């Protein structure tokens, strides 16, 4: 066990539920797919509807978009589980709900953004002298 995988709080009693996993791999895949999708869309706009690879109804662009979504959800779930390891028990929603909130219409604008990045914020209120 390294410094991030030491169980604390309720996890020390019940055993660790998650382990820290490096999010760099999925993040790189997401970035590459988004860049590829952007370049493909720009090429499709520049060539117009007469592009030979767009004859079958832009299926390739749709598949590329779905791959972007799937890889983003994998990365986000890994980031959310890492947040649980770094700050156990300090989250409002479970990791599965943070992931599913991206799929729920309208909720995707405020639920997922509050999950992984607010757990490390300092506690509100004045600090007690120690």
Foldseek 3Di string as FASTA:
>chain_A
DDPLLDDDDPCNVVPNPFGQDDLPVLVVVLVVLVVVLVVVVVVCVVVDCPDPVCPVPCPVSVVSVVSNLVSVLVSLLNLLRSLCSNQPPQFPDDSVVLSCLCVDPPSVVPRNVCGRPVRPDDDDDDDDDD
